[in-house]
Protein backbone atom coordinates (compact mmCIF):
# COMPACT_ATOMS: atom_id res chain seq x y z
CA GLN A 1 59.96 44.72 17.63
CA VAL A 2 58.59 44.07 14.17
CA GLN A 3 58.87 40.70 12.47
CA VAL A 4 58.60 40.69 8.70
CA VAL A 5 58.06 37.58 6.62
CA ALA A 6 58.11 37.53 2.83
CA SER A 7 56.77 34.63 0.83
CA GLY A 8 55.43 33.64 -2.57
CA GLY A 9 58.57 33.18 -4.60
CA GLY A 10 59.15 30.23 -6.87
CA LEU A 11 60.03 29.01 -10.33
CA VAL A 12 58.00 30.36 -13.22
CA GLN A 13 58.34 30.39 -16.99
CA PRO A 14 58.92 33.63 -18.89
CA GLY A 15 55.63 35.45 -19.28
CA GLY A 16 54.25 33.93 -16.11
CA SER A 17 53.10 35.55 -12.89
CA LEU A 18 53.80 35.34 -9.19
CA ARG A 19 52.43 37.20 -6.19
CA LEU A 20 54.75 37.94 -3.31
CA SER A 21 53.41 38.67 0.16
CA CYS A 22 55.03 40.52 3.04
CA VAL A 23 53.45 40.23 6.46
CA ALA A 24 54.43 42.28 9.48
CA SER A 25 53.70 41.22 13.03
CA GLY A 26 54.70 42.17 16.57
CA THR A 27 54.83 45.85 17.43
CA VAL A 28 52.95 47.27 14.46
CA SER A 29 50.68 50.29 14.45
CA GLY A 30 48.95 49.75 11.13
CA HIS A 31 50.42 53.01 9.87
CA PHE A 32 53.27 51.98 7.62
CA ALA A 33 55.28 52.31 4.47
CA ALA A 34 56.88 49.38 2.67
CA ASP A 35 59.33 48.66 -0.10
CA TRP A 36 60.23 45.71 -2.25
CA HIS A 37 63.86 45.27 -3.27
CA ARG A 38 65.69 42.58 -5.17
CA ASP A 39 69.21 41.24 -5.62
CA THR A 40 69.83 40.03 -9.15
CA PRO A 41 73.01 38.97 -10.96
CA ALA A 42 72.95 42.33 -12.74
CA LYS A 43 72.15 44.58 -9.81
CA GLU A 44 72.46 44.40 -6.05
CA ARG A 45 69.59 45.56 -3.87
CA GLU A 46 67.52 47.33 -6.50
CA GLN A 47 64.36 48.94 -5.19
CA VAL A 48 61.54 47.76 -7.42
CA ALA A 49 58.48 49.12 -5.63
CA MET A 50 57.71 51.53 -2.85
CA MET A 51 54.46 52.34 -1.08
CA ASP A 52 54.22 55.34 1.23
CA SER A 53 51.98 55.61 4.27
CA GLY A 54 49.18 57.02 2.16
CA GLY A 55 49.23 54.09 -0.21
CA TYR A 56 50.95 55.87 -3.06
CA VAL A 57 53.07 53.44 -5.10
CA SER A 58 56.22 54.15 -7.04
CA LEU A 59 57.69 51.49 -9.32
CA ALA A 60 61.11 51.15 -10.89
CA SER A 61 61.10 51.76 -14.61
CA SER A 62 62.24 48.18 -15.20
CA VAL A 63 58.97 46.82 -13.79
CA GLN A 64 56.44 49.49 -14.67
CA GLY A 65 53.47 48.06 -16.50
CA ARG A 66 54.23 44.56 -15.20
CA PHE A 67 54.36 44.75 -11.39
CA ILE A 68 51.66 45.98 -9.05
CA MET A 69 52.14 46.73 -5.37
CA SER A 70 49.12 46.70 -3.09
CA ARG A 71 48.28 46.40 0.58
CA ASP A 72 45.79 45.02 3.05
CA SER A 73 46.26 47.26 6.06
CA ALA A 74 43.92 45.20 8.23
CA LYS A 75 46.25 42.24 7.74
CA ASN A 76 49.48 44.26 7.94
CA THR A 77 50.34 42.82 4.57
CA VAL A 78 51.68 44.18 1.31
CA TYR A 79 51.76 42.34 -1.97
CA LEU A 80 53.81 42.47 -5.12
CA GLN A 81 51.93 41.10 -8.09
CA MET A 82 54.47 40.31 -10.79
CA ASN A 83 53.19 39.73 -14.31
CA ASP A 84 54.91 39.06 -17.62
CA LEU A 85 57.99 37.91 -15.77
CA LYS A 86 61.31 37.91 -17.60
CA PRO A 87 64.53 36.00 -16.94
CA GLU A 88 66.14 39.24 -15.78
CA ASP A 89 63.58 39.41 -12.96
CA THR A 90 65.29 36.39 -11.41
CA GLY A 91 66.61 37.21 -7.98
CA LEU A 92 66.10 37.31 -4.26
CA TYR A 93 63.23 39.62 -3.35
CA TYR A 94 63.14 41.41 -0.01
CA CYS A 95 60.50 43.42 1.77
CA CYS A 96 61.35 46.33 4.05
CA TRP A 97 58.63 47.45 6.45
CA SER A 98 58.64 50.85 8.11
CA ASP A 99 56.25 51.56 10.95
CA ILE A 100 55.47 55.27 10.88
CA LYS A 101 54.15 55.56 14.45
CA TYR A 102 57.00 53.67 16.12
CA GLY A 103 59.71 54.88 13.77
CA ALA A 104 61.13 51.42 13.19
CA SER A 105 62.13 49.64 10.00
CA GLN A 106 62.72 45.96 9.53
CA TRP A 107 63.84 43.86 6.60
CA GLY A 108 62.31 40.48 6.02
CA GLN A 109 64.15 37.45 4.75
CA GLY A 110 64.34 37.15 0.99
CA THR A 111 62.11 35.03 -1.18
CA GLN A 112 63.65 33.58 -4.34
CA VAL A 113 62.08 34.24 -7.72
CA THR A 114 63.42 32.28 -10.68
CA VAL A 115 62.18 32.92 -14.19
CA SER A 116 63.34 30.23 -16.56
CA SER A 117 62.05 27.96 -19.28
């Protein structure tokens, strides 16, 4: 069983930055893919970033040029660096972790991001 914990959300002013973290523990092989999704007032469960098992990242057009997804495989952790945040980025951000070796996926709890002046 994989446990996934997302953290790093908070309140930030427009133009500010936050870094979200997603840590997997339990039955993890170190060979994984991961996604970040968000629920906003405008859109439910939008995928904003995806990283495949090779580390290739794909970003939604709404966040390209502002968000960066990275990983630390040794720590079973992925990050979402969010820069130049806008009020429309406000929402609940979720991480989904997929272990390639064990064929299991697990959603973490959401972490709230609020962008407001």
